[in-house]
Structures are given as C-alpha cells and as structure tokens.
Amino acid sequence: MYDGYSNFLVNRFRKLFGKNFEKVMESYSKQPKKAVRMNNLKIKTNDCLNRLKRKGFRFSKVPWADYVYFVEKEPTSLSATTEYLMGYFFIQDATSTLPAIELNPHSDEIVLDMAASPGGKTTHISQLMRNHGVIVAAEVNKERIKTLLYNLERMGVENVISIRTDATKIKELNLKFDKILLDAPCTADGTIGKNKRLKKELSQKLYDKYSKKQKELIRAAKEVLKPGGILVYSTCSTAPEENEIIVEYAVEKLGFKLLTLKNSRYFTQGMPIFFGEKHPNYLKKCGRILPYQYDTQGFFVAKLRL
C-alpha cells in the first residue's frame, strides 16, 4: 500500500502522526513546492518579480515573509536565468527561511552559522543584517564549502567569514557570539518528497546516530554563546529524537530557556507526548511544519536563550 517504504518507517510514522498519518504520506508522494527568497541586498523584491514575470514565471507569496515566494509556473529553469546568476534570488524550500527569521539578527551583532553550506541560511542572515555586523560560517566538508563560497559571492554578501572546521570544535576560535543558528545535520526524513531513497534507508540506528551528533553540536554552541544569547535550532526532520529530545536536553542539561517562536501561528506545536512517552509540556513552544500544511518539506524550529 505504501510503495517503497520500509515497514519500520510506515509503523513509525503511523505512531508519530496519528490522525495526520494519511495526509503526511500523501504529501510525501509528491515533490515539495519550489520557493525563492528575493535578495534585497541586490534588488527590490518587486523589481525582481517583475523581471521574472516578464519571462513567464508565476509566483504566490509565502505567508511568513514578504520577500519569499512559491514558484507556481517555471517555463525554464530558474537557475539558468540571468537574475539567478546575478544573485537576485536564492532557490530554497520555503520552510528553510524560517530559522533566520526567528534568529532575528541585528546589524551590530556577531552571529555564528554552525553548518553553513550551501549558504541559503547564511546569505539570508546577511540580508537581514543588511551586510553589517559579522557572520562566521562554519562548514567541515571541503566540497560543500566551495558551494558556500560561490553563493556568498553570487549573493553579494560582504560580512561573512567562512571557515572550514568541525562545528563541534568551534570553541577553538576563541570567539563569543550574540546569536547562533544551528541548522543541524539530520536524517532529513522531512524531505522524503524529493529524496525517495529515504523510504528504505531510514532506521532507528540512523535516528539515534544523528541525535547523538546533534547533542554534541548543541553542547558546542553553548560553549561559544554569550550569556543571554539566542540559539535557533532547526532540522528538516520530523523525528522527536532529533527535535524535541534535543531541545529537552538543551533545557534540562545545558541550562537553556525555551522561548516562544515569533511566527508560532504558522507552525503546529511541538510534541510533549510521542511514542507513548510523556515529556515536558514546554516542548509545545517548539514549532513543527508538517509537509501537507504548505506543500513543503517537513521542518522543525526551536528558539533558545542561554
């Protein structure tokens, strides 16, 4: 009935999503809607939209930002347009614009992006900071950092220092940050709509492996965040092991305080009960986006203060 899915994943999603199970499975049967974030560092949103509309592209506005749009009609590849090559916009899932919006970086701050490539969130943070302040963009993978550097240049970003390093060793920089974005490496089970291989590849062992890594990363973030600083944690996973469990760990073991999301109205609440176990009620302050809500990938965001 659920073509290509392992029994493990079907049973897991049935328990996790309950009455929403069928809607989630249906949403994963199709590609998530493509979206673009207009780059106000280089061009006004309406000017870019008008240029693309004259070429036959059609868009609809994403509800949480006036410079992010769903692509409704794409007569040719967006990445082949002059506007893309000029850095007038970035192609990314609409949900992945939410972490930078929740981080709300200011132009006089020092910000860390702990897993920066391919640069969608880094360039978004720079856009919100109007190219002022300082962003340290960390990426450990040699090939991925090339993509990051290309996108930083294409988007006209001037306030980023990119470094190739394991984010768990970020303390070695001897810097303290006002704000940190940790868009953590994860199983990415919220992206099954475009990554069909995950139907078979995902396992409890893999979920547990990533959960362990995410705890290491959030410990590393605490070591370099200023007192009173803000950490936004996000994943494109639906798994509590990678989401609520990590937030609970940050609060109970590391001393973070969980904050209410600025854009909470666009999310479903975090889950204090999952797989038959009860967890702290404050986890409702986390935000989940299920893929059928906006025809996007599944996503998770939490905002923490030290």
Protein backbone atom coordinates (compact mmCIF):
# COMPACT_ATOMS: atom_id res chain seq x y z
CA MET A 1 0.00 0.00 0.00
CA TYR A 2 2.87 2.39 0.81
CA ASP A 3 5.09 1.75 -2.15
CA GLY A 4 8.82 1.75 -1.44
CA TYR A 5 8.54 2.33 2.31
CA SER A 6 10.11 0.00 4.85
CA ASN A 7 7.75 -1.50 7.42
CA PHE A 8 9.82 0.28 10.07
CA LEU A 9 9.09 3.71 8.62
CA VAL A 10 5.38 3.11 7.99
CA ASN A 11 4.89 1.90 11.56
CA ARG A 12 6.93 4.77 12.92
CA PHE A 13 5.03 7.46 11.01
CA ARG A 14 1.69 5.88 11.92
CA LYS A 15 2.56 6.16 15.63
CA LEU A 16 4.10 9.61 15.32
CA PHE A 17 1.49 11.37 13.17
CA GLY A 18 -1.67 9.59 14.36
CA LYS A 19 -4.75 11.11 12.69
CA ASN A 20 -2.48 13.07 10.31
CA PHE A 21 -0.69 9.95 9.09
CA GLU A 22 -2.50 9.64 5.74
CA LYS A 23 -2.10 13.35 4.96
CA VAL A 24 1.64 13.15 5.65
CA MET A 25 2.06 10.05 3.48
CA GLU A 26 0.10 11.66 0.65
CA SER A 27 2.26 14.79 0.82
CA TYR A 28 5.40 12.66 0.58
CA SER A 29 4.13 11.19 -2.69
CA LYS A 30 4.83 14.47 -4.48
CA GLN A 31 7.63 17.00 -4.77
CA PRO A 32 7.51 19.91 -2.33
CA LYS A 33 6.78 23.28 -3.92
CA LYS A 34 9.84 25.17 -5.04
CA ALA A 35 10.35 28.58 -3.47
CA VAL A 36 12.62 31.58 -3.95
CA ARG A 37 13.92 34.14 -1.48
CA MET A 38 14.46 37.54 -3.07
CA ASN A 39 17.82 39.08 -2.25
CA ASN A 40 17.19 42.63 -1.07
CA LEU A 41 20.93 43.23 -0.84
CA LYS A 42 20.95 43.49 -4.62
CA ILE A 43 17.43 44.24 -5.83
CA LYS A 44 13.98 45.20 -4.59
CA THR A 45 11.57 42.27 -4.36
CA ASN A 46 9.02 43.70 -6.80
CA ASP A 47 11.69 44.60 -9.34
CA CYS A 48 12.97 41.02 -9.39
CA LEU A 49 9.46 39.58 -9.51
CA ASN A 50 8.55 41.79 -12.45
CA ARG A 51 11.67 40.80 -14.36
CA LEU A 52 10.83 37.11 -13.88
CA LYS A 53 7.12 37.55 -14.63
CA ARG A 54 8.02 39.08 -17.99
CA LYS A 55 9.84 35.82 -18.73
CA GLY A 56 6.72 33.78 -17.95
CA PHE A 57 7.38 32.81 -14.32
CA ARG A 58 4.49 32.95 -11.86
CA PHE A 59 4.65 33.15 -8.06
CA SER A 60 2.49 33.17 -4.93
CA LYS A 61 3.54 34.73 -1.65
CA VAL A 62 4.76 32.65 1.28
CA PRO A 63 2.76 33.78 4.35
CA TRP A 64 5.61 34.47 6.78
CA ALA A 65 7.85 36.76 4.70
CA ASP A 66 7.17 39.45 2.11
CA TYR A 67 10.29 38.54 0.11
CA VAL A 68 9.76 34.74 -0.13
CA TYR A 69 7.57 33.25 -2.87
CA PHE A 70 6.36 29.86 -4.05
CA VAL A 71 7.06 29.14 -7.70
CA GLU A 72 3.75 28.39 -9.43
CA LYS A 73 4.97 28.34 -13.03
CA GLU A 74 8.52 27.74 -14.26
CA PRO A 75 8.73 27.85 -18.08
CA THR A 76 12.50 27.39 -17.98
CA SER A 77 14.93 26.52 -15.22
CA LEU A 78 15.13 29.32 -12.66
CA SER A 79 18.80 28.55 -12.06
CA ALA A 80 19.54 29.33 -15.72
CA THR A 81 18.11 32.84 -15.60
CA THR A 82 20.23 35.98 -15.61
CA GLU A 83 18.53 37.00 -12.36
CA TYR A 84 19.72 33.84 -10.61
CA LEU A 85 23.28 34.21 -11.87
CA MET A 86 23.28 37.85 -10.76
CA GLY A 87 22.33 36.75 -7.24
CA TYR A 88 18.93 38.42 -7.22
CA PHE A 89 17.34 35.41 -5.51
CA PHE A 90 18.12 32.12 -3.78
CA ILE A 91 16.22 28.89 -4.50
CA GLN A 92 15.32 27.12 -1.25
CA ASP A 93 12.46 25.37 0.47
CA ALA A 94 10.14 27.96 1.97
CA THR A 95 10.39 26.40 5.44
CA SER A 96 14.17 26.82 5.48
CA THR A 97 13.73 30.61 5.54
CA LEU A 98 12.13 30.40 8.99
CA PRO A 99 15.29 29.80 11.09
CA ALA A 100 16.95 33.08 10.06
CA ILE A 101 13.67 34.97 10.56
CA GLU A 102 13.35 33.53 14.08
CA LEU A 103 17.02 34.33 14.80
CA ASN A 104 16.26 37.98 14.01
CA PRO A 105 19.92 39.04 13.69
CA HIS A 106 20.83 42.71 14.15
CA SER A 107 23.39 44.67 12.18
CA ASP A 108 25.70 45.18 15.17
CA GLU A 109 25.89 41.52 16.21
CA ILE A 110 28.35 38.67 15.80
CA VAL A 111 26.49 35.61 14.51
CA LEU A 112 27.55 32.00 14.01
CA ASP A 113 26.09 29.68 11.37
CA MET A 114 27.28 26.27 12.55
CA ALA A 115 26.53 24.24 9.39
CA ALA A 116 26.57 26.80 6.63
CA SER A 117 26.69 25.14 3.20
CA PRO A 118 25.16 25.60 0.68
CA GLY A 119 24.59 29.11 2.03
CA GLY A 120 20.84 29.65 1.93
CA LYS A 121 20.59 30.48 5.61
CA THR A 122 23.95 32.30 5.77
CA THR A 123 23.04 34.64 2.94
CA HIS A 124 19.59 35.12 4.45
CA ILE A 125 21.14 36.16 7.78
CA SER A 126 23.38 38.60 5.92
CA GLN A 127 20.35 40.02 4.12
CA LEU A 128 18.58 40.60 7.44
CA MET A 129 21.73 42.26 8.82
CA ARG A 130 21.97 44.48 5.71
CA ASN A 131 25.53 43.25 5.17
CA HIS A 132 26.67 44.72 8.50
CA GLY A 133 27.94 43.03 11.64
CA VAL A 134 29.87 39.78 11.35
CA ILE A 135 28.77 36.25 10.43
CA VAL A 136 31.09 33.30 10.94
CA ALA A 137 30.02 30.49 8.61
CA ALA A 138 31.39 27.08 9.57
CA GLU A 139 31.45 24.13 7.18
CA VAL A 140 33.56 20.99 7.57
CA ASN A 141 33.13 19.44 4.11
CA LYS A 142 35.75 20.55 1.58
CA GLU A 143 33.46 20.23 -1.45
CA ARG A 144 30.44 21.81 0.23
CA ILE A 145 32.44 24.85 1.29
CA LYS A 146 33.10 25.55 -2.40
CA THR A 147 29.34 25.81 -2.94
CA LEU A 148 29.07 28.07 0.08
CA LEU A 149 31.76 30.43 -1.22
CA TYR A 150 30.15 30.55 -4.66
CA ASN A 151 26.78 31.50 -3.19
CA LEU A 152 28.26 34.12 -0.87
CA GLU A 153 29.88 35.81 -3.86
CA ARG A 154 26.82 35.43 -6.11
CA MET A 155 24.51 36.95 -3.50
CA GLY A 156 26.78 39.94 -2.84
CA VAL A 157 27.47 39.04 0.79
CA GLU A 158 30.31 41.01 2.39
CA ASN A 159 30.03 40.39 6.14
CA VAL A 160 30.79 36.66 6.28
CA ILE A 161 33.96 34.94 7.41
CA SER A 162 33.82 31.35 6.14
CA ILE A 163 35.91 28.71 7.87
CA ARG A 164 36.40 25.04 7.21
CA THR A 165 36.05 23.37 10.59
CA ASP A 166 34.12 20.78 12.52
CA ALA A 167 31.43 22.77 14.32
CA THR A 168 31.94 20.71 17.49
CA LYS A 169 35.38 22.33 17.72
CA ILE A 170 34.17 25.89 17.24
CA LYS A 171 35.43 26.81 20.72
CA GLU A 172 38.97 26.79 19.30
CA LEU A 173 38.18 30.06 17.52
CA ASN A 174 38.14 31.76 20.93
CA LEU A 175 35.10 33.85 19.97
CA LYS A 176 31.77 34.51 21.66
CA PHE A 177 28.60 35.05 19.65
CA ASP A 178 25.45 37.10 20.19
CA LYS A 179 23.38 34.64 18.18
CA ILE A 180 23.86 31.18 16.74
CA LEU A 181 21.98 29.29 14.06
CA LEU A 182 22.30 25.52 14.31
CA ASP A 183 20.52 24.01 11.35
CA ALA A 184 21.69 20.59 12.37
CA PRO A 185 22.73 17.71 10.13
CA CYS A 186 19.89 15.20 10.37
CA THR A 187 18.20 12.20 8.80
CA ALA A 188 16.21 14.66 6.66
CA ASP A 189 13.12 12.47 6.86
CA GLY A 190 11.05 15.59 6.26
CA THR A 191 12.36 15.64 2.67
CA ILE A 192 11.08 12.24 1.51
CA GLY A 193 9.01 14.02 -1.14
CA LYS A 194 12.22 14.81 -3.03
CA ASN A 195 14.53 12.14 -1.56
CA LYS A 196 12.68 8.89 -2.25
CA ARG A 197 15.67 6.73 -1.24
CA LEU A 198 15.00 7.63 2.39
CA LYS A 199 11.90 5.41 2.35
CA LYS A 200 14.18 2.39 2.62
CA GLU A 201 17.34 3.84 4.14
CA LEU A 202 15.99 5.26 7.41
CA SER A 203 16.41 3.14 10.54
CA GLN A 204 16.28 3.57 14.31
CA LYS A 205 20.07 3.24 14.33
CA LEU A 206 20.34 6.23 11.99
CA TYR A 207 17.94 8.34 14.06
CA ASP A 208 19.96 7.57 17.20
CA LYS A 209 23.25 8.34 15.43
CA TYR A 210 22.09 11.80 14.39
CA SER A 211 20.56 12.51 17.79
CA LYS A 212 23.93 11.87 19.41
CA LYS A 213 25.66 14.19 16.93
CA GLN A 214 23.06 16.94 17.47
CA LYS A 215 23.65 16.85 21.23
CA GLU A 216 27.37 17.29 20.58
CA LEU A 217 26.66 20.29 18.37
CA ILE A 218 24.32 21.98 20.82
CA ARG A 219 26.89 21.49 23.61
CA ALA A 220 29.47 23.13 21.36
CA ALA A 221 27.05 26.00 20.69
CA LYS A 222 26.60 26.63 24.40
CA GLU A 223 30.36 27.00 24.87
CA VAL A 224 30.55 29.92 22.43
CA LEU A 225 27.23 31.69 23.01
CA LYS A 226 27.27 34.85 25.11
CA PRO A 227 25.18 34.88 28.31
CA GLY A 228 21.69 35.94 27.29
CA GLY A 229 22.45 35.00 23.68
CA ILE A 230 19.97 33.36 21.32
CA LEU A 231 20.30 29.95 19.67
CA VAL A 232 17.90 28.86 16.95
CA TYR A 233 17.89 25.11 16.42
CA SER A 234 16.31 23.63 13.30
CA THR A 235 16.16 20.45 11.24
CA CYS A 236 14.35 19.15 8.17
CA SER A 237 13.44 16.08 10.22
CA THR A 238 10.13 15.05 11.78
CA ALA A 239 11.83 12.84 14.38
CA PRO A 240 11.42 13.70 18.09
CA GLU A 241 14.85 12.12 18.68
CA GLU A 242 16.33 14.90 16.53
CA ASN A 243 13.99 17.67 17.63
CA GLU A 244 12.10 17.72 20.94
CA ILE A 245 14.61 15.40 22.62
CA ILE A 246 17.46 17.75 21.68
CA VAL A 247 15.55 20.77 22.98
CA GLU A 248 14.71 18.96 26.22
CA TYR A 249 18.40 18.11 26.59
CA ALA A 250 19.35 21.76 26.00
CA VAL A 251 16.92 22.95 28.68
CA GLU A 252 17.39 20.26 31.32
CA LYS A 253 21.13 19.57 30.94
CA LEU A 254 22.63 22.73 29.45
CA GLY A 255 20.59 25.47 31.12
CA PHE A 256 18.88 26.96 28.07
CA LYS A 257 15.42 28.55 28.28
CA LEU A 258 12.95 27.71 25.52
CA LEU A 259 11.27 30.79 24.01
CA THR A 260 8.00 31.23 22.14
CA LEU A 261 8.51 31.47 18.40
CA LYS A 262 7.82 34.84 16.78
CA ASN A 263 5.99 33.10 13.94
CA SER A 264 4.28 30.44 16.05
CA ARG A 265 0.98 30.91 14.19
CA TYR A 266 2.48 29.26 11.10
CA PHE A 267 3.62 26.14 12.96
CA THR A 268 1.95 23.22 14.64
CA GLN A 269 3.08 22.91 18.25
CA GLY A 270 5.98 20.79 19.37
CA MET A 271 5.15 17.35 20.76
CA PRO A 272 5.32 16.74 24.53
CA ILE A 273 3.97 13.20 24.03
CA PHE A 274 5.35 10.81 21.40
CA PHE A 275 5.78 7.06 21.04
CA GLY A 276 3.78 6.58 24.22
CA GLU A 277 6.11 8.64 26.42
CA LYS A 278 5.33 11.95 28.13
CA HIS A 279 7.89 14.77 28.08
CA PRO A 280 7.82 18.35 29.47
CA ASN A 281 4.84 20.42 28.40
CA TYR A 282 7.09 23.37 27.48
CA LEU A 283 8.05 21.48 24.31
CA LYS A 284 4.81 22.83 22.82
CA LYS A 285 6.75 26.08 22.32
CA CYS A 286 8.76 24.35 19.60
CA GLY A 287 7.42 24.62 16.06
CA ARG A 288 6.76 21.87 13.55
CA ILE A 289 5.70 22.23 9.96
CA LEU A 290 4.13 19.10 8.55
CA PRO A 291 4.63 18.77 4.78
CA TYR A 292 0.93 18.94 3.88
CA GLN A 293 0.43 22.32 5.61
CA TYR A 294 2.10 24.36 2.86
CA ASP A 295 3.19 21.65 0.38
CA THR A 296 6.75 21.99 1.63
CA GLN A 297 9.24 19.68 3.29
CA GLY A 298 8.72 18.80 6.95
CA PHE A 299 10.57 21.13 9.29
CA PHE A 300 11.28 21.89 12.95
CA VAL A 301 12.38 25.09 14.70
CA ALA A 302 13.11 25.95 18.35
CA LYS A 303 14.37 29.22 19.82
CA LEU A 304 16.51 29.08 22.95
CA ARG A 305 18.15 31.64 25.22
CA LEU A 306 21.20 30.93 27.38
